[in-house]
Amino acid sequence: MIRKIITFFIGLLILGATFASVFFAALTYRANEQIGIKSYIFQINDAAGLRVGALQDINDISAIDLRNKLITKYVSEYFKVIPSDKNVINRPILRKLSTQTAYNQWLNSEAKTISKMSDKNMFRIVRVIDNGIMSVDKPADYDYYNSDIIKPIFYEVHYITETWPDSNIMGIEPVVEQGILYLQAQFKPGIFKNIDIKKHLENGGNPVELFIFRVTRIGNENN
């Protein structure tokens, strides 16, 4: 009799254990069904100026503001260093915004520095200083909107670079340096008329390439 009672309780324990196993397995399955992956965009130093802003109508942007935005984008492409970049010279935006002369100047100068830095696993970003873009030789009466001939103008661009010597060490402080880049550019507010805008964007082209802006030379009038 006692043996039957013990056997009965053992059976209940086994049944309970089996039920618990099924219950927790079901919970695990339901939890897996509800797992989601949330993506986040991180920005260095929480810099509000680097955030993507609201879309703007080109007609609401002044010529100077538009010019400065394009120059800032160019300088960013000109100096940025990506760790272990296997193809440093593959910079379509820089290529599109440069004449062959200006692009060759980059290839023979800063591109070599970038290649060495990238091989050392370094990371570098650049930002143009507020009010740091100044025209050097723009005539006082030159009008960006109404000039029939788009005059090449030299600009003095003041910038700051932040360089991380090793991108794998999160706690390391960047090396901050200031510099000046002289460049000559042709600019007129507006978009090239011979470009199919819809096709360009559908093919993944960058909108900045649509604007009438080309850097013709790197360096000031004396070099």
C-alpha atoms as a PDB file:
ATOM      1  CA  MET A   1       0.000   0.000   0.000  1.00  0.00           C
ATOM      2  CA  ILE A   2       2.726   2.430   0.996  1.00  0.00           C
ATOM      3  CA  ARG A   3       4.613   1.509  -2.165  1.00  0.00           C
ATOM      4  CA  LYS A   4       1.587   2.352  -4.297  1.00  0.00           C
ATOM      5  CA  ILE A   5       1.215   5.739  -2.548  1.00  0.00           C
ATOM      6  CA  ILE A   6       4.920   6.560  -3.164  1.00  0.00           C
ATOM      7  CA  THR A   7       4.568   5.532  -6.803  1.00  0.00           C
ATOM      8  CA  PHE A   8       1.461   7.729  -7.114  1.00  0.00           C
ATOM      9  CA  PHE A   9       3.261  10.831  -5.766  1.00  0.00           C
ATOM     10  CA  ILE A  10       6.313  10.171  -7.944  1.00  0.00           C
ATOM     11  CA  GLY A  11       3.958  10.042 -10.930  1.00  0.00           C
ATOM     12  CA  LEU A  12       2.459  13.384  -9.900  1.00  0.00           C
ATOM     13  CA  LEU A  13       5.935  14.933  -9.617  1.00  0.00           C
ATOM     14  CA  ILE A  14       6.905  13.652 -13.057  1.00  0.00           C
ATOM     15  CA  LEU A  15       3.640  14.953 -14.516  1.00  0.00           C
ATOM     16  CA  GLY A  16       4.204  18.337 -12.869  1.00  0.00           C
ATOM     17  CA  ALA A  17       7.774  18.542 -14.152  1.00  0.00           C
ATOM     18  CA  THR A  18       6.582  17.673 -17.651  1.00  0.00           C
ATOM     19  CA  PHE A  19       3.879  20.342 -17.524  1.00  0.00           C
ATOM     20  CA  ALA A  20       6.377  22.946 -16.281  1.00  0.00           C
ATOM     21  CA  SER A  21       8.811  22.086 -19.083  1.00  0.00           C
ATOM     22  CA  VAL A  22       6.089  22.488 -21.710  1.00  0.00           C
ATOM     23  CA  PHE A  23       4.948  25.771 -20.129  1.00  0.00           C
ATOM     24  CA  PHE A  24       8.414  27.365 -20.095  1.00  0.00           C
ATOM     25  CA  ALA A  25       9.143  26.100 -23.606  1.00  0.00           C
ATOM     26  CA  ALA A  26       5.970  27.837 -24.795  1.00  0.00           C
ATOM     27  CA  LEU A  27       7.009  31.057 -23.066  1.00  0.00           C
ATOM     28  CA  THR A  28      10.423  30.901 -24.720  1.00  0.00           C
ATOM     29  CA  TYR A  29       8.846  30.347 -28.122  1.00  0.00           C
ATOM     30  CA  ARG A  30       6.470  33.304 -27.658  1.00  0.00           C
ATOM     31  CA  ALA A  31       9.337  35.500 -26.495  1.00  0.00           C
ATOM     32  CA  ASN A  32      11.367  34.626 -29.593  1.00  0.00           C
ATOM     33  CA  GLU A  33       8.413  35.582 -31.755  1.00  0.00           C
ATOM     34  CA  GLN A  34       8.332  39.030 -30.186  1.00  0.00           C
ATOM     35  CA  ILE A  35      12.034  39.770 -30.369  1.00  0.00           C
ATOM     36  CA  GLY A  36      12.726  42.957 -32.326  1.00  0.00           C
ATOM     37  CA  ILE A  37      15.891  44.748 -33.292  1.00  0.00           C
ATOM     38  CA  LYS A  38      15.938  48.490 -32.866  1.00  0.00           C
ATOM     39  CA  SER A  39      18.550  50.463 -34.791  1.00  0.00           C
ATOM     40  CA  TYR A  40      20.064  53.677 -33.524  1.00  0.00           C
ATOM     41  CA  ILE A  41      22.123  56.347 -35.220  1.00  0.00           C
ATOM     42  CA  PHE A  42      24.994  57.547 -33.078  1.00  0.00           C
ATOM     43  CA  GLN A  43      26.537  60.955 -33.546  1.00  0.00           C
ATOM     44  CA  ILE A  44      29.914  61.929 -32.189  1.00  0.00           C
ATOM     45  CA  ASN A  45      29.869  64.288 -29.219  1.00  0.00           C
ATOM     46  CA  ASP A  46      26.091  64.646 -29.626  1.00  0.00           C
ATOM     47  CA  ALA A  47      26.801  67.390 -32.166  1.00  0.00           C
ATOM     48  CA  ALA A  48      23.445  68.893 -33.090  1.00  0.00           C
ATOM     49  CA  GLY A  49      24.984  70.466 -36.185  1.00  0.00           C
ATOM     50  CA  LEU A  50      25.580  67.030 -37.676  1.00  0.00           C
ATOM     51  CA  ARG A  51      21.956  65.933 -37.446  1.00  0.00           C
ATOM     52  CA  VAL A  52      19.856  65.611 -40.573  1.00  0.00           C
ATOM     53  CA  GLY A  53      17.544  68.588 -40.724  1.00  0.00           C
ATOM     54  CA  ALA A  54      14.171  69.114 -42.320  1.00  0.00           C
ATOM     55  CA  LEU A  55      13.915  69.277 -46.107  1.00  0.00           C
ATOM     56  CA  GLN A  56      14.369  72.767 -47.460  1.00  0.00           C
ATOM     57  CA  ASP A  57      13.261  74.430 -50.664  1.00  0.00           C
ATOM     58  CA  ILE A  58      16.311  75.597 -52.612  1.00  0.00           C
ATOM     59  CA  ASN A  59      14.534  78.899 -53.221  1.00  0.00           C
ATOM     60  CA  ASP A  60      14.471  79.501 -49.474  1.00  0.00           C
ATOM     61  CA  ILE A  61      18.244  79.111 -49.118  1.00  0.00           C
ATOM     62  CA  SER A  62      20.471  82.106 -49.805  1.00  0.00           C
ATOM     63  CA  ALA A  63      23.291  81.798 -52.313  1.00  0.00           C
ATOM     64  CA  ILE A  64      25.929  82.182 -49.590  1.00  0.00           C
ATOM     65  CA  ASP A  65      24.304  79.579 -47.349  1.00  0.00           C
ATOM     66  CA  LEU A  66      23.992  77.085 -50.209  1.00  0.00           C
ATOM     67  CA  ARG A  67      27.572  77.750 -51.301  1.00  0.00           C
ATOM     68  CA  ASN A  68      28.832  77.169 -47.762  1.00  0.00           C
ATOM     69  CA  LYS A  69      26.895  73.918 -47.416  1.00  0.00           C
ATOM     70  CA  LEU A  70      28.437  72.605 -50.645  1.00  0.00           C
ATOM     71  CA  ILE A  71      31.944  73.666 -49.640  1.00  0.00           C
ATOM     72  CA  THR A  72      31.464  72.043 -46.223  1.00  0.00           C
ATOM     73  CA  LYS A  73      30.402  68.777 -47.859  1.00  0.00           C
ATOM     74  CA  TYR A  74      33.411  68.915 -50.148  1.00  0.00           C
ATOM     75  CA  VAL A  75      35.838  69.493 -47.275  1.00  0.00           C
ATOM     76  CA  SER A  76      34.298  66.590 -45.370  1.00  0.00           C
ATOM     77  CA  GLU A  77      34.876  64.240 -48.319  1.00  0.00           C
ATOM     78  CA  TYR A  78      38.333  65.703 -48.830  1.00  0.00           C
ATOM     79  CA  PHE A  79      39.666  64.904 -45.350  1.00  0.00           C
ATOM     80  CA  LYS A  80      37.643  62.050 -43.841  1.00  0.00           C
ATOM     81  CA  VAL A  81      39.525  58.879 -42.885  1.00  0.00           C
ATOM     82  CA  ILE A  82      37.786  55.523 -42.523  1.00  0.00           C
ATOM     83  CA  PRO A  83      39.708  52.768 -40.678  1.00  0.00           C
ATOM     84  CA  SER A  84      41.034  49.964 -42.883  1.00  0.00           C
ATOM     85  CA  ASP A  85      39.552  51.493 -46.031  1.00  0.00           C
ATOM     86  CA  LYS A  86      40.635  49.235 -48.891  1.00  0.00           C
ATOM     87  CA  ASN A  87      39.798  51.763 -51.596  1.00  0.00           C
ATOM     88  CA  VAL A  88      40.600  55.246 -50.363  1.00  0.00           C
ATOM     89  CA  ILE A  89      40.234  56.895 -53.751  1.00  0.00           C
ATOM     90  CA  ASN A  90      36.694  55.576 -54.231  1.00  0.00           C
ATOM     91  CA  ARG A  91      34.969  58.842 -53.344  1.00  0.00           C
ATOM     92  CA  PRO A  92      32.274  59.420 -55.976  1.00  0.00           C
ATOM     93  CA  ILE A  93      31.027  62.648 -54.395  1.00  0.00           C
ATOM     94  CA  LEU A  94      34.497  64.173 -54.288  1.00  0.00           C
ATOM     95  CA  ARG A  95      35.079  63.085 -57.872  1.00  0.00           C
ATOM     96  CA  LYS A  96      31.779  64.543 -59.094  1.00  0.00           C
ATOM     97  CA  LEU A  97      32.339  67.851 -57.305  1.00  0.00           C
ATOM     98  CA  SER A  98      35.867  68.254 -58.707  1.00  0.00           C
ATOM     99  CA  THR A  99      37.339  68.976 -62.095  1.00  0.00           C
ATOM    100  CA  GLN A 100      40.014  66.530 -63.197  1.00  0.00           C
ATOM    101  CA  THR A 101      42.711  69.020 -62.185  1.00  0.00           C
ATOM    102  CA  ALA A 102      41.389  69.400 -58.634  1.00  0.00           C
ATOM    103  CA  TYR A 103      40.818  65.667 -58.252  1.00  0.00           C
ATOM    104  CA  ASN A 104      44.363  64.893 -59.372  1.00  0.00           C
ATOM    105  CA  GLN A 105      45.650  67.401 -56.817  1.00  0.00           C
ATOM    106  CA  TRP A 106      43.786  65.473 -54.111  1.00  0.00           C
ATOM    107  CA  LEU A 107      45.104  62.127 -55.375  1.00  0.00           C
ATOM    108  CA  ASN A 108      48.676  63.390 -55.290  1.00  0.00           C
ATOM    109  CA  SER A 109      48.450  64.992 -51.852  1.00  0.00           C
ATOM    110  CA  GLU A 110      45.817  64.351 -49.179  1.00  0.00           C
ATOM    111  CA  ALA A 111      44.744  60.982 -50.587  1.00  0.00           C
ATOM    112  CA  LYS A 112      48.217  59.582 -49.850  1.00  0.00           C
ATOM    113  CA  THR A 113      48.015  60.803 -46.257  1.00  0.00           C
ATOM    114  CA  ILE A 114      44.543  59.314 -45.874  1.00  0.00           C
ATOM    115  CA  SER A 115      45.755  55.958 -47.200  1.00  0.00           C
ATOM    116  CA  LYS A 116      48.550  55.791 -44.618  1.00  0.00           C
ATOM    117  CA  MET A 117      46.204  56.781 -41.793  1.00  0.00           C
ATOM    118  CA  SER A 118      43.587  54.251 -42.847  1.00  0.00           C
ATOM    119  CA  ASP A 119      46.197  51.460 -42.940  1.00  0.00           C
ATOM    120  CA  LYS A 120      46.984  52.291 -39.294  1.00  0.00           C
ATOM    121  CA  ASN A 121      43.289  51.897 -38.396  1.00  0.00           C
ATOM    122  CA  MET A 122      42.885  55.608 -37.705  1.00  0.00           C
ATOM    123  CA  PHE A 123      39.589  57.482 -37.888  1.00  0.00           C
ATOM    124  CA  ARG A 124      39.191  61.169 -38.768  1.00  0.00           C
ATOM    125  CA  ILE A 125      36.293  63.547 -39.199  1.00  0.00           C
ATOM    126  CA  VAL A 126      36.329  67.227 -40.093  1.00  0.00           C
ATOM    127  CA  ARG A 127      34.017  70.161 -39.550  1.00  0.00           C
ATOM    128  CA  VAL A 128      34.157  73.655 -40.967  1.00  0.00           C
ATOM    129  CA  ILE A 129      34.295  76.394 -38.336  1.00  0.00           C
ATOM    130  CA  ASP A 130      31.259  78.664 -38.085  1.00  0.00           C
ATOM    131  CA  ASN A 131      31.792  81.652 -40.390  1.00  0.00           C
ATOM    132  CA  GLY A 132      34.984  79.929 -41.505  1.00  0.00           C
ATOM    133  CA  ILE A 133      34.443  80.243 -45.262  1.00  0.00           C
ATOM    134  CA  MET A 134      35.694  83.459 -46.852  1.00  0.00           C
ATOM    135  CA  SER A 135      36.011  84.432 -50.484  1.00  0.00           C
ATOM    136  CA  VAL A 136      39.485  85.633 -51.403  1.00  0.00           C
ATOM    137  CA  ASP A 137      39.081  87.232 -54.821  1.00  0.00           C
ATOM    138  CA  LYS A 138      35.324  87.611 -55.437  1.00  0.00           C
ATOM    139  CA  PRO A 139      34.684  90.999 -57.065  1.00  0.00           C
ATOM    140  CA  ALA A 140      32.508  93.281 -54.987  1.00  0.00           C
ATOM    141  CA  ASP A 141      29.930  93.545 -57.756  1.00  0.00           C
ATOM    142  CA  TYR A 142      29.829  89.819 -58.577  1.00  0.00           C
ATOM    143  CA  ASP A 143      26.302  88.364 -58.409  1.00  0.00           C
ATOM    144  CA  TYR A 144      26.002  84.606 -57.979  1.00  0.00           C
ATOM    145  CA  TYR A 145      22.476  84.654 -59.403  1.00  0.00           C
ATOM    146  CA  ASN A 146      22.738  86.865 -62.469  1.00  0.00           C
ATOM    147  CA  SER A 147      26.301  86.493 -63.775  1.00  0.00           C
ATOM    148  CA  ASP A 148      26.324  85.098 -67.313  1.00  0.00           C
ATOM    149  CA  ILE A 149      29.756  83.554 -66.790  1.00  0.00           C
ATOM    150  CA  ILE A 150      30.338  81.449 -63.684  1.00  0.00           C
ATOM    151  CA  LYS A 151      33.576  82.895 -62.381  1.00  0.00           C
ATOM    152  CA  PRO A 152      36.046  80.609 -60.563  1.00  0.00           C
ATOM    153  CA  ILE A 153      36.538  82.122 -57.108  1.00  0.00           C
ATOM    154  CA  PHE A 154      39.129  81.276 -54.467  1.00  0.00           C
ATOM    155  CA  TYR A 155      37.916  80.506 -50.966  1.00  0.00           C
ATOM    156  CA  GLU A 156      39.710  80.259 -47.648  1.00  0.00           C
ATOM    157  CA  VAL A 157      38.154  77.504 -45.540  1.00  0.00           C
ATOM    158  CA  HIS A 158      38.951  77.181 -41.835  1.00  0.00           C
ATOM    159  CA  TYR A 159      38.327  73.709 -40.459  1.00  0.00           C
ATOM    160  CA  ILE A 160      38.905  71.480 -37.441  1.00  0.00           C
ATOM    161  CA  THR A 161      39.802  67.799 -37.626  1.00  0.00           C
ATOM    162  CA  GLU A 162      39.282  65.210 -34.906  1.00  0.00           C
ATOM    163  CA  THR A 163      41.504  62.160 -35.303  1.00  0.00           C
ATOM    164  CA  TRP A 164      41.325  58.947 -33.314  1.00  0.00           C
ATOM    165  CA  PRO A 165      44.747  57.187 -33.495  1.00  0.00           C
ATOM    166  CA  ASP A 166      43.083  53.806 -32.936  1.00  0.00           C
ATOM    167  CA  SER A 167      39.408  53.372 -33.765  1.00  0.00           C
ATOM    168  CA  ASN A 168      39.126  50.179 -31.673  1.00  0.00           C
ATOM    169  CA  ILE A 169      39.797  51.919 -28.348  1.00  0.00           C
ATOM    170  CA  MET A 170      36.540  53.621 -27.426  1.00  0.00           C
ATOM    171  CA  GLY A 171      37.900  55.575 -24.467  1.00  0.00           C
ATOM    172  CA  ILE A 172      40.714  57.303 -26.338  1.00  0.00           C
ATOM    173  CA  GLU A 173      40.489  61.066 -26.818  1.00  0.00           C
ATOM    174  CA  PRO A 174      40.776  62.394 -30.383  1.00  0.00           C
ATOM    175  CA  VAL A 175      43.612  64.618 -31.525  1.00  0.00           C
ATOM    176  CA  VAL A 176      42.091  67.985 -32.429  1.00  0.00           C
ATOM    177  CA  GLU A 177      43.797  70.165 -35.023  1.00  0.00           C
ATOM    178  CA  GLN A 178      42.918  73.314 -36.928  1.00  0.00           C
ATOM    179  CA  GLY A 179      43.787  74.034 -40.524  1.00  0.00           C
ATOM    180  CA  ILE A 180      43.046  76.135 -43.583  1.00  0.00           C
ATOM    181  CA  LEU A 181      42.205  74.778 -47.012  1.00  0.00           C
ATOM    182  CA  TYR A 182      42.327  77.030 -50.053  1.00  0.00           C
ATOM    183  CA  LEU A 183      40.211  75.993 -52.982  1.00  0.00           C
ATOM    184  CA  GLN A 184      38.914  77.535 -56.169  1.00  0.00           C
ATOM    185  CA  ALA A 185      35.335  76.767 -57.162  1.00  0.00           C
ATOM    186  CA  GLN A 186      32.687  77.664 -59.695  1.00  0.00           C
ATOM    187  CA  PHE A 187      29.259  78.079 -58.171  1.00  0.00           C
ATOM    188  CA  LYS A 188      25.824  79.287 -59.128  1.00  0.00           C
ATOM    189  CA  PRO A 189      22.603  78.702 -57.151  1.00  0.00           C
ATOM    190  CA  GLY A 190      20.631  76.046 -58.986  1.00  0.00           C
ATOM    191  CA  ILE A 191      20.761  72.560 -60.452  1.00  0.00           C
ATOM    192  CA  PHE A 192      22.363  71.358 -63.676  1.00  0.00           C
ATOM    193  CA  LYS A 193      19.706  71.266 -66.408  1.00  0.00           C
ATOM    194  CA  ASN A 194      21.228  68.347 -68.334  1.00  0.00           C
ATOM    195  CA  ILE A 195      20.713  65.874 -65.454  1.00  0.00           C
ATOM    196  CA  ASP A 196      17.657  63.644 -65.123  1.00  0.00           C
ATOM    197  CA  ILE A 197      17.003  64.317 -61.430  1.00  0.00           C
ATOM    198  CA  LYS A 198      14.510  61.478 -60.960  1.00  0.00           C
ATOM    199  CA  LYS A 199      16.798  58.922 -62.590  1.00  0.00           C
ATOM    200  CA  HIS A 200      19.838  60.238 -60.710  1.00  0.00           C
ATOM    201  CA  LEU A 201      18.152  59.812 -57.331  1.00  0.00           C
ATOM    202  CA  GLU A 202      16.577  56.445 -58.197  1.00  0.00           C
ATOM    203  CA  ASN A 203      20.036  55.147 -59.105  1.00  0.00           C
ATOM    204  CA  GLY A 204      21.343  56.096 -55.677  1.00  0.00           C
ATOM    205  CA  GLY A 205      23.070  59.309 -56.722  1.00  0.00           C
ATOM    206  CA  ASN A 206      23.790  61.869 -54.009  1.00  0.00           C
ATOM    207  CA  PRO A 207      21.640  65.035 -54.270  1.00  0.00           C
ATOM    208  CA  VAL A 208      24.703  67.244 -53.704  1.00  0.00           C
ATOM    209  CA  GLU A 209      25.982  66.229 -57.150  1.00  0.00           C
ATOM    210  CA  LEU A 210      23.039  67.952 -58.818  1.00  0.00           C
ATOM    211  CA  PHE A 211      24.063  71.483 -57.849  1.00  0.00           C
ATOM    212  CA  ILE A 212      26.042  73.853 -60.061  1.00  0.00           C
ATOM    213  CA  PHE A 213      29.220  73.606 -58.026  1.00  0.00           C
ATOM    214  CA  ARG A 214      32.640  72.348 -59.058  1.00  0.00           C
ATOM    215  CA  VAL A 215      36.003  72.746 -57.376  1.00  0.00           C
ATOM    216  CA  THR A 216      38.496  73.632 -60.094  1.00  0.00           C
ATOM    217  CA  ARG A 217      41.697  73.849 -58.082  1.00  0.00           C
ATOM    218  CA  ILE A 218      43.163  73.146 -54.642  1.00  0.00           C
ATOM    219  CA  GLY A 219      45.502  75.750 -53.184  1.00  0.00           C
ATOM    220  CA  ASN A 220      45.560  79.525 -53.286  1.00  0.00           C
ATOM    221  CA  GLU A 221      46.564  81.751 -56.184  1.00  0.00           C
ATOM    222  CA  ASN A 222      50.243  81.294 -55.411  1.00  0.00           C
ATOM    223  CA  ASN A 223      50.462  77.473 -55.360  1.00  0.00           C
END
